Full PDB file with SEQRES, HELIX, SHEET, SSBOND, CRYST1, ORIGX, SCALE, CONECT and MASTER records, all heavy atoms in Angstrom:
SEQRES   1 A   34  SER ILE LEU ALA TYR ALA ILE LYS ASP ASP PRO LYS PHE          
SEQRES   2 A   34  GLU ARG VAL ASP ASP TYR ALA THR GLY GLU LYS LEU GLY          
SEQRES   3 A   34  ILE SER ILE LYS LYS GLY ASN THR                              
HELIX    1 AA1 LEU A    3  ILE A    7  1                                   5    
CRYST1    1.000    1.000    1.000  90.00  90.00  90.00 P 1           1          
ORIGX1      1.000000  0.000000  0.000000        0.00000                         
ORIGX2      0.000000  1.000000  0.000000        0.00000                         
ORIGX3      0.000000  0.000000  1.000000        0.00000                         
SCALE1      1.000000  0.000000  0.000000        0.00000                         
SCALE2      0.000000  1.000000  0.000000        0.00000                         
SCALE3      0.000000  0.000000  1.000000        0.00000                         
ATOM      1  N   SER A   1      35.298  22.521  69.079  1.00  0.00           N  
ATOM      2  CA  SER A   1      35.637  23.883  69.453  1.00  0.00           C  
ATOM      3  C   SER A   1      35.395  24.887  68.403  1.00  0.00           C  
ATOM      4  O   SER A   1      34.937  25.977  68.644  1.00  0.00           O  
ATOM      5  CB  SER A   1      37.109  23.946  69.825  1.00  0.00           C  
ATOM      6  OG  SER A   1      37.976  23.468  68.804  1.00  0.00           O  
ATOM      7  N   ILE A   2      35.589  24.438  67.123  1.00  0.00           N  
ATOM      8  CA  ILE A   2      35.472  25.329  65.985  1.00  0.00           C  
ATOM      9  C   ILE A   2      34.089  25.348  65.488  1.00  0.00           C  
ATOM     10  O   ILE A   2      33.432  26.450  65.492  1.00  0.00           O  
ATOM     11  CB  ILE A   2      36.285  24.856  64.709  1.00  0.00           C  
ATOM     12  CG1 ILE A   2      37.881  24.939  65.117  1.00  0.00           C  
ATOM     13  CG2 ILE A   2      35.904  25.580  63.547  1.00  0.00           C  
ATOM     14  CD1 ILE A   2      38.334  26.350  65.354  1.00  0.00           C  
ATOM     15  N   LEU A   3      33.446  24.342  65.350  1.00  0.00           N  
ATOM     16  CA  LEU A   3      32.087  24.352  64.746  1.00  0.00           C  
ATOM     17  C   LEU A   3      30.946  24.706  65.791  1.00  0.00           C  
ATOM     18  O   LEU A   3      29.985  25.412  65.431  1.00  0.00           O  
ATOM     19  CB  LEU A   3      31.731  22.878  64.136  1.00  0.00           C  
ATOM     20  CG  LEU A   3      32.505  22.591  62.859  1.00  0.00           C  
ATOM     21  CD1 LEU A   3      32.163  21.186  62.356  1.00  0.00           C  
ATOM     22  CD2 LEU A   3      32.425  23.607  61.816  1.00  0.00           C  
ATOM     23  N   ALA A   4      31.105  24.246  66.975  1.00  0.00           N  
ATOM     24  CA  ALA A   4      30.170  24.684  68.064  1.00  0.00           C  
ATOM     25  C   ALA A   4      30.298  26.284  68.276  1.00  0.00           C  
ATOM     26  O   ALA A   4      29.211  26.901  68.387  1.00  0.00           O  
ATOM     27  CB  ALA A   4      30.399  24.032  69.418  1.00  0.00           C  
ATOM     28  N   TYR A   5      31.447  26.740  68.203  1.00  0.00           N  
ATOM     29  CA  TYR A   5      31.706  28.099  68.217  1.00  0.00           C  
ATOM     30  C   TYR A   5      31.001  28.844  67.115  1.00  0.00           C  
ATOM     31  O   TYR A   5      30.334  29.800  67.220  1.00  0.00           O  
ATOM     32  CB  TYR A   5      33.233  28.421  68.306  1.00  0.00           C  
ATOM     33  CG  TYR A   5      33.525  29.905  68.429  1.00  0.00           C  
ATOM     34  CD1 TYR A   5      33.562  30.623  69.547  1.00  0.00           C  
ATOM     35  CD2 TYR A   5      33.795  30.689  67.137  1.00  0.00           C  
ATOM     36  CE1 TYR A   5      33.918  32.007  69.548  1.00  0.00           C  
ATOM     37  CE2 TYR A   5      34.141  32.016  67.215  1.00  0.00           C  
ATOM     38  CZ  TYR A   5      34.209  32.604  68.440  1.00  0.00           C  
ATOM     39  OH  TYR A   5      34.464  33.974  68.437  1.00  0.00           O  
ATOM     40  N   ALA A   6      31.156  28.390  65.780  1.00  0.00           N  
ATOM     41  CA  ALA A   6      30.681  28.996  64.698  1.00  0.00           C  
ATOM     42  C   ALA A   6      29.171  29.119  64.627  1.00  0.00           C  
ATOM     43  O   ALA A   6      28.658  30.133  64.075  1.00  0.00           O  
ATOM     44  CB  ALA A   6      31.236  28.168  63.398  1.00  0.00           C  
ATOM     45  N   ILE A   7      28.390  28.210  65.185  1.00  0.00           N  
ATOM     46  CA  ILE A   7      26.989  28.179  65.066  1.00  0.00           C  
ATOM     47  C   ILE A   7      26.299  28.644  66.394  1.00  0.00           C  
ATOM     48  O   ILE A   7      25.022  28.584  66.405  1.00  0.00           O  
ATOM     49  CB  ILE A   7      26.448  26.773  64.681  1.00  0.00           C  
ATOM     50  CG1 ILE A   7      26.702  25.757  65.788  1.00  0.00           C  
ATOM     51  CG2 ILE A   7      27.201  26.302  63.324  1.00  0.00           C  
ATOM     52  CD1 ILE A   7      25.855  24.466  65.584  1.00  0.00           C  
ATOM     53  N   LYS A   8      27.036  28.864  67.415  1.00  0.00           N  
ATOM     54  CA  LYS A   8      26.352  29.067  68.610  1.00  0.00           C  
ATOM     55  C   LYS A   8      25.318  30.187  68.722  1.00  0.00           C  
ATOM     56  O   LYS A   8      24.416  30.063  69.548  1.00  0.00           O  
ATOM     57  CB  LYS A   8      27.485  29.343  69.784  1.00  0.00           C  
ATOM     58  CG  LYS A   8      28.162  30.637  69.622  1.00  0.00           C  
ATOM     59  CD  LYS A   8      29.274  30.732  70.671  1.00  0.00           C  
ATOM     60  CE  LYS A   8      30.087  32.118  70.560  1.00  0.00           C  
ATOM     61  NZ  LYS A   8      29.482  33.328  70.915  1.00  0.00           N  
ATOM     62  N   ASP A   9      25.385  31.144  67.881  1.00  0.00           N  
ATOM     63  CA  ASP A   9      24.363  32.276  67.863  1.00  0.00           C  
ATOM     64  C   ASP A   9      23.447  32.277  66.648  1.00  0.00           C  
ATOM     65  O   ASP A   9      22.650  33.288  66.466  1.00  0.00           O  
ATOM     66  CB  ASP A   9      25.120  33.618  68.025  1.00  0.00           C  
ATOM     67  CG  ASP A   9      25.857  33.766  69.300  1.00  0.00           C  
ATOM     68  OD1 ASP A   9      25.440  33.325  70.301  1.00  0.00           O  
ATOM     69  OD2 ASP A   9      26.891  34.324  69.256  1.00  0.00           O  
ATOM     70  N   ASP A  10      23.383  31.158  65.988  1.00  0.00           N  
ATOM     71  CA  ASP A  10      22.536  31.072  64.841  1.00  0.00           C  
ATOM     72  C   ASP A  10      21.516  29.956  64.884  1.00  0.00           C  
ATOM     73  O   ASP A  10      21.900  28.677  64.786  1.00  0.00           O  
ATOM     74  CB  ASP A  10      23.507  30.861  63.500  1.00  0.00           C  
ATOM     75  CG  ASP A  10      22.716  31.056  62.278  1.00  0.00           C  
ATOM     76  OD1 ASP A  10      21.517  31.022  62.183  1.00  0.00           O  
ATOM     77  OD2 ASP A  10      23.418  31.440  61.242  1.00  0.00           O  
ATOM     78  N   PRO A  11      20.279  30.259  64.982  1.00  0.00           N  
ATOM     79  CA  PRO A  11      19.196  29.224  65.108  1.00  0.00           C  
ATOM     80  C   PRO A  11      18.983  28.432  63.843  1.00  0.00           C  
ATOM     81  O   PRO A  11      18.228  27.345  63.917  1.00  0.00           O  
ATOM     82  CB  PRO A  11      17.931  30.083  65.470  1.00  0.00           C  
ATOM     83  CG  PRO A  11      18.205  31.462  64.917  1.00  0.00           C  
ATOM     84  CD  PRO A  11      19.685  31.655  65.049  1.00  0.00           C  
ATOM     85  N   LYS A  12      19.633  28.760  62.779  1.00  0.00           N  
ATOM     86  CA  LYS A  12      19.368  27.981  61.515  1.00  0.00           C  
ATOM     87  C   LYS A  12      20.229  26.636  61.565  1.00  0.00           C  
ATOM     88  O   LYS A  12      19.905  25.721  60.775  1.00  0.00           O  
ATOM     89  CB  LYS A  12      19.835  28.726  60.292  1.00  0.00           C  
ATOM     90  CG  LYS A  12      19.090  29.979  60.008  1.00  0.00           C  
ATOM     91  CD  LYS A  12      19.455  30.512  58.704  1.00  0.00           C  
ATOM     92  CE  LYS A  12      20.868  30.756  58.380  1.00  0.00           C  
ATOM     93  NZ  LYS A  12      21.483  31.898  59.223  1.00  0.00           N  
ATOM     94  N   PHE A  13      21.162  26.601  62.625  1.00  0.00           N  
ATOM     95  CA  PHE A  13      21.927  25.304  62.578  1.00  0.00           C  
ATOM     96  C   PHE A  13      21.821  24.772  64.004  1.00  0.00           C  
ATOM     97  O   PHE A  13      21.430  25.308  64.926  1.00  0.00           O  
ATOM     98  CB  PHE A  13      23.392  25.802  62.413  1.00  0.00           C  
ATOM     99  CG  PHE A  13      23.653  26.477  61.225  1.00  0.00           C  
ATOM    100  CD1 PHE A  13      23.856  27.876  61.004  1.00  0.00           C  
ATOM    101  CD2 PHE A  13      23.804  25.773  59.901  1.00  0.00           C  
ATOM    102  CE1 PHE A  13      24.067  28.553  59.985  1.00  0.00           C  
ATOM    103  CE2 PHE A  13      23.899  26.506  58.795  1.00  0.00           C  
ATOM    104  CZ  PHE A  13      24.008  27.790  58.702  1.00  0.00           C  
ATOM    105  N   GLU A  14      22.093  23.357  64.037  1.00  0.00           N  
ATOM    106  CA  GLU A  14      22.164  22.738  65.315  1.00  0.00           C  
ATOM    107  C   GLU A  14      23.234  21.708  65.310  1.00  0.00           C  
ATOM    108  O   GLU A  14      23.686  21.162  64.321  1.00  0.00           O  
ATOM    109  CB  GLU A  14      20.826  21.913  65.485  1.00  0.00           C  
ATOM    110  CG  GLU A  14      20.381  20.980  64.388  1.00  0.00           C  
ATOM    111  CD  GLU A  14      19.033  20.458  64.655  1.00  0.00           C  
ATOM    112  OE1 GLU A  14      18.607  20.529  65.779  1.00  0.00           O  
ATOM    113  OE2 GLU A  14      18.400  19.940  63.738  1.00  0.00           O  
ATOM    114  N   ARG A  15      23.781  21.387  66.450  1.00  0.00           N  
ATOM    115  CA  ARG A  15      24.758  20.345  66.696  1.00  0.00           C  
ATOM    116  C   ARG A  15      24.071  19.071  66.856  1.00  0.00           C  
ATOM    117  O   ARG A  15      23.480  18.772  67.951  1.00  0.00           O  
ATOM    118  CB  ARG A  15      25.566  20.792  67.934  1.00  0.00           C  
ATOM    119  CG  ARG A  15      26.799  19.898  68.321  1.00  0.00           C  
ATOM    120  CD  ARG A  15      27.597  20.674  69.291  1.00  0.00           C  
ATOM    121  NE  ARG A  15      28.522  19.742  69.989  1.00  0.00           N  
ATOM    122  CZ  ARG A  15      29.393  20.005  70.920  1.00  0.00           C  
ATOM    123  NH1 ARG A  15      29.376  21.409  71.252  1.00  0.00           N  
ATOM    124  NH2 ARG A  15      30.242  19.297  71.496  1.00  0.00           N  
ATOM    125  N   VAL A  16      24.069  18.104  65.812  1.00  0.00           N  
ATOM    126  CA  VAL A  16      23.238  17.027  65.905  1.00  0.00           C  
ATOM    127  C   VAL A  16      23.900  15.769  66.330  1.00  0.00           C  
ATOM    128  O   VAL A  16      23.130  14.731  66.844  1.00  0.00           O  
ATOM    129  CB  VAL A  16      22.677  16.727  64.479  1.00  0.00           C  
ATOM    130  CG1 VAL A  16      21.899  17.866  64.040  1.00  0.00           C  
ATOM    131  CG2 VAL A  16      23.879  16.443  63.479  1.00  0.00           C  
ATOM    132  N   ASP A  17      25.242  15.582  66.428  1.00  0.00           N  
ATOM    133  CA  ASP A  17      25.910  14.436  66.817  1.00  0.00           C  
ATOM    134  C   ASP A  17      27.325  14.618  67.195  1.00  0.00           C  
ATOM    135  O   ASP A  17      28.037  15.469  66.590  1.00  0.00           O  
ATOM    136  CB  ASP A  17      25.679  13.291  65.731  1.00  0.00           C  
ATOM    137  CG  ASP A  17      25.746  11.892  66.335  1.00  0.00           C  
ATOM    138  OD1 ASP A  17      25.796  11.782  67.608  1.00  0.00           O  
ATOM    139  OD2 ASP A  17      25.736  10.976  65.665  1.00  0.00           O  
ATOM    140  N   ASP A  18      27.734  14.111  68.205  1.00  0.00           N  
ATOM    141  CA  ASP A  18      29.148  14.156  68.713  1.00  0.00           C  
ATOM    142  C   ASP A  18      29.824  12.743  68.474  1.00  0.00           C  
ATOM    143  O   ASP A  18      29.133  11.691  68.768  1.00  0.00           O  
ATOM    144  CB  ASP A  18      29.158  14.595  70.160  1.00  0.00           C  
ATOM    145  CG  ASP A  18      28.625  15.980  70.374  1.00  0.00           C  
ATOM    146  OD1 ASP A  18      28.779  16.840  69.373  1.00  0.00           O  
ATOM    147  OD2 ASP A  18      28.186  16.355  71.391  1.00  0.00           O  
ATOM    148  N   TYR A  19      31.170  12.766  68.367  1.00  0.00           N  
ATOM    149  CA  TYR A  19      31.945  11.550  68.243  1.00  0.00           C  
ATOM    150  C   TYR A  19      33.189  11.674  69.180  1.00  0.00           C  
ATOM    151  O   TYR A  19      34.113  12.428  68.931  1.00  0.00           O  
ATOM    152  CB  TYR A  19      32.333  11.407  66.790  1.00  0.00           C  
ATOM    153  CG  TYR A  19      31.142  11.538  65.886  1.00  0.00           C  
ATOM    154  CD1 TYR A  19      31.027  12.774  65.160  1.00  0.00           C  
ATOM    155  CD2 TYR A  19      30.214  10.506  65.577  1.00  0.00           C  
ATOM    156  CE1 TYR A  19      29.933  12.984  64.353  1.00  0.00           C  
ATOM    157  CE2 TYR A  19      29.066  10.758  64.893  1.00  0.00           C  
ATOM    158  CZ  TYR A  19      28.951  11.928  64.127  1.00  0.00           C  
ATOM    159  OH  TYR A  19      27.833  12.139  63.404  1.00  0.00           O  
ATOM    160  N   ALA A  20      33.249  10.723  70.134  1.00  0.00           N  
ATOM    161  CA  ALA A  20      34.248  10.685  71.157  1.00  0.00           C  
ATOM    162  C   ALA A  20      35.517   9.988  70.533  1.00  0.00           C  
ATOM    163  O   ALA A  20      35.598   8.741  70.633  1.00  0.00           O  
ATOM    164  CB  ALA A  20      33.750   9.986  72.360  1.00  0.00           C  
ATOM    165  N   THR A  21      36.284  10.769  69.869  1.00  0.00           N  
ATOM    166  CA  THR A  21      37.388  10.276  69.136  1.00  0.00           C  
ATOM    167  C   THR A  21      38.724  10.276  69.884  1.00  0.00           C  
ATOM    168  O   THR A  21      39.825   9.783  69.635  1.00  0.00           O  
ATOM    169  CB  THR A  21      37.678  10.990  67.823  1.00  0.00           C  
ATOM    170  OG1 THR A  21      37.715  12.510  68.128  1.00  0.00           O  
ATOM    171  CG2 THR A  21      36.499  10.775  66.864  1.00  0.00           C  
ATOM    172  N   GLY A  22      38.560  11.075  71.195  1.00  0.00           N  
ATOM    173  CA  GLY A  22      39.724  11.037  72.148  1.00  0.00           C  
ATOM    174  C   GLY A  22      40.767  11.978  71.537  1.00  0.00           C  
ATOM    175  O   GLY A  22      41.991  11.813  72.057  1.00  0.00           O  
ATOM    176  N   GLU A  23      40.403  13.038  70.836  1.00  0.00           N  
ATOM    177  CA  GLU A  23      41.339  13.923  70.206  1.00  0.00           C  
ATOM    178  C   GLU A  23      41.927  14.877  71.200  1.00  0.00           C  
ATOM    179  O   GLU A  23      41.168  15.303  72.076  1.00  0.00           O  
ATOM    180  CB  GLU A  23      40.747  14.735  69.063  1.00  0.00           C  
ATOM    181  CG  GLU A  23      40.544  13.934  67.814  1.00  0.00           C  
ATOM    182  CD  GLU A  23      40.115  14.742  66.678  1.00  0.00           C  
ATOM    183  OE1 GLU A  23      40.922  15.748  66.482  1.00  0.00           O  
ATOM    184  OE2 GLU A  23      39.023  14.553  66.038  1.00  0.00           O  
ATOM    185  N   LYS A  24      43.218  15.031  71.221  1.00  0.00           N  
ATOM    186  CA  LYS A  24      43.933  16.022  72.078  1.00  0.00           C  
ATOM    187  C   LYS A  24      44.817  16.884  71.271  1.00  0.00           C  
ATOM    188  O   LYS A  24      45.394  16.392  70.302  1.00  0.00           O  
ATOM    189  CB  LYS A  24      44.632  15.253  73.188  1.00  0.00           C  
ATOM    190  CG  LYS A  24      43.901  14.499  74.156  1.00  0.00           C  
ATOM    191  CD  LYS A  24      44.769  13.728  75.259  1.00  0.00           C  
ATOM    192  CE  LYS A  24      43.885  12.814  76.011  1.00  0.00           C  
ATOM    193  NZ  LYS A  24      43.007  13.661  76.826  1.00  0.00           N  
ATOM    194  N   LEU A  25      44.878  18.156  71.600  1.00  0.00           N  
ATOM    195  CA  LEU A  25      45.553  19.176  70.769  1.00  0.00           C  
ATOM    196  C   LEU A  25      46.911  19.363  71.395  1.00  0.00           C  
ATOM    197  O   LEU A  25      47.100  19.374  72.663  1.00  0.00           O  
ATOM    198  CB  LEU A  25      44.845  20.435  70.720  1.00  0.00           C  
ATOM    199  CG  LEU A  25      43.364  20.443  70.252  1.00  0.00           C  
ATOM    200  CD1 LEU A  25      42.817  21.877  70.072  1.00  0.00           C  
ATOM    201  CD2 LEU A  25      43.254  19.703  68.876  1.00  0.00           C  
ATOM    202  N   GLY A  26      47.984  19.384  70.619  1.00  0.00           N  
ATOM    203  CA  GLY A  26      49.317  19.752  71.058  1.00  0.00           C  
ATOM    204  C   GLY A  26      50.162  20.708  70.133  1.00  0.00           C  
ATOM    205  O   GLY A  26      49.654  20.838  68.984  1.00  0.00           O  
ATOM    206  N   ILE A  27      51.177  20.967  70.557  1.00  0.00           N  
ATOM    207  CA  ILE A  27      52.068  21.988  69.850  1.00  0.00           C  
ATOM    208  C   ILE A  27      53.116  21.087  69.142  1.00  0.00           C  
ATOM    209  O   ILE A  27      53.848  20.407  69.862  1.00  0.00           O  
ATOM    210  CB  ILE A  27      52.823  23.091  70.683  1.00  0.00           C  
ATOM    211  CG1 ILE A  27      51.681  23.974  71.348  1.00  0.00           C  
ATOM    212  CG2 ILE A  27      53.721  23.773  70.001  1.00  0.00           C  
ATOM    213  CD1 ILE A  27      52.196  24.851  72.429  1.00  0.00           C  
ATOM    214  N   SER A  28      53.337  21.214  67.865  1.00  0.00           N  
ATOM    215  CA  SER A  28      54.239  20.334  67.140  1.00  0.00           C  
ATOM    216  C   SER A  28      55.672  21.015  66.950  1.00  0.00           C  
ATOM    217  O   SER A  28      55.835  22.149  66.890  1.00  0.00           O  
ATOM    218  CB  SER A  28      53.677  19.993  65.724  1.00  0.00           C  
ATOM    219  OG  SER A  28      53.736  21.098  64.827  1.00  0.00           O  
ATOM    220  N   ILE A  29      56.598  20.098  67.136  1.00  0.00           N  
ATOM    221  CA  ILE A  29      58.066  20.510  67.230  1.00  0.00           C  
ATOM    222  C   ILE A  29      58.749  19.579  66.278  1.00  0.00           C  
ATOM    223  O   ILE A  29      58.447  18.478  66.062  1.00  0.00           O  
ATOM    224  CB  ILE A  29      58.554  20.511  68.654  1.00  0.00           C  
ATOM    225  CG1 ILE A  29      57.688  21.367  69.576  1.00  0.00           C  
ATOM    226  CG2 ILE A  29      59.973  20.882  68.774  1.00  0.00           C  
ATOM    227  CD1 ILE A  29      57.472  20.717  70.920  1.00  0.00           C  
ATOM    228  N   LYS A  30      59.840  20.076  65.705  1.00  0.00           N  
ATOM    229  CA  LYS A  30      60.624  19.377  64.808  1.00  0.00           C  
ATOM    230  C   LYS A  30      61.175  18.135  65.461  1.00  0.00           C  
ATOM    231  O   LYS A  30      61.548  18.235  66.681  1.00  0.00           O  
ATOM    232  CB  LYS A  30      61.936  20.117  64.369  1.00  0.00           C  
ATOM    233  CG  LYS A  30      62.605  19.476  63.145  1.00  0.00           C  
ATOM    234  CD  LYS A  30      63.598  20.387  62.536  1.00  0.00           C  
ATOM    235  CE  LYS A  30      64.339  19.833  61.309  1.00  0.00           C  
ATOM    236  NZ  LYS A  30      65.364  20.609  60.765  1.00  0.00           N  
ATOM    237  N   LYS A  31      61.138  17.072  64.878  1.00  0.00           N  
ATOM    238  CA  LYS A  31      61.570  15.736  65.456  1.00  0.00           C  
ATOM    239  C   LYS A  31      63.012  15.791  66.039  1.00  0.00           C  
ATOM    240  O   LYS A  31      63.944  16.218  65.346  1.00  0.00           O  
ATOM    241  CB  LYS A  31      61.570  14.628  64.369  1.00  0.00           C  
ATOM    242  CG  LYS A  31      61.455  13.210  64.818  1.00  0.00           C  
ATOM    243  CD  LYS A  31      60.035  12.842  65.276  1.00  0.00           C  
ATOM    244  CE  LYS A  31      60.044  11.261  65.518  1.00  0.00           C  
ATOM    245  NZ  LYS A  31      58.663  10.916  66.235  1.00  0.00           N  
ATOM    246  N   GLY A  32      63.086  15.359  67.244  1.00  0.00           N  
ATOM    247  CA  GLY A  32      64.338  15.289  67.909  1.00  0.00           C  
ATOM    248  C   GLY A  32      64.763  16.481  68.720  1.00  0.00           C  
ATOM    249  O   GLY A  32      65.726  16.573  69.287  1.00  0.00           O  
ATOM    250  N   ASN A  33      63.907  17.501  68.424  1.00  0.00           N  
ATOM    251  CA  ASN A  33      64.147  18.852  69.262  1.00  0.00           C  
ATOM    252  C   ASN A  33      63.692  18.830  70.624  1.00  0.00           C  
ATOM    253  O   ASN A  33      62.712  19.352  71.111  1.00  0.00           O  
ATOM    254  CB  ASN A  33      63.614  19.900  68.596  1.00  0.00           C  
ATOM    255  CG  ASN A  33      64.278  21.357  69.095  1.00  0.00           C  
ATOM    256  OD1 ASN A  33      64.882  21.494  70.085  1.00  0.00           O  
ATOM    257  ND2 ASN A  33      63.924  22.387  68.225  1.00  0.00           N  
ATOM    258  N   THR A  34      64.436  18.001  71.545  1.00  0.00           N  
ATOM    259  CA  THR A  34      63.879  17.784  72.909  1.00  0.00           C  
ATOM    260  C   THR A  34      63.942  19.022  73.765  1.00  0.00           C  
ATOM    261  O   THR A  34      62.999  19.180  74.621  1.00  0.00           O  
ATOM    262  CB  THR A  34      64.722  16.667  73.485  1.00  0.00           C  
ATOM    263  OG1 THR A  34      66.112  16.965  73.486  1.00  0.00           O  
ATOM    264  CG2 THR A  34      64.470  15.379  72.793  1.00  0.00           C  
TER     265      THR A  34                                                      
MASTER        0    0    0    1    0    0    0    6  264    1    0    3          
END                                                                             
């Protein structure tokens, strides 16, 4: 999301390889604050 966005309009750069790491983004909360 960050790097593809950063280079999307610049022909000097290319996205050469992707890695399926299964990353998911979440909101962090203090432990136990249900």
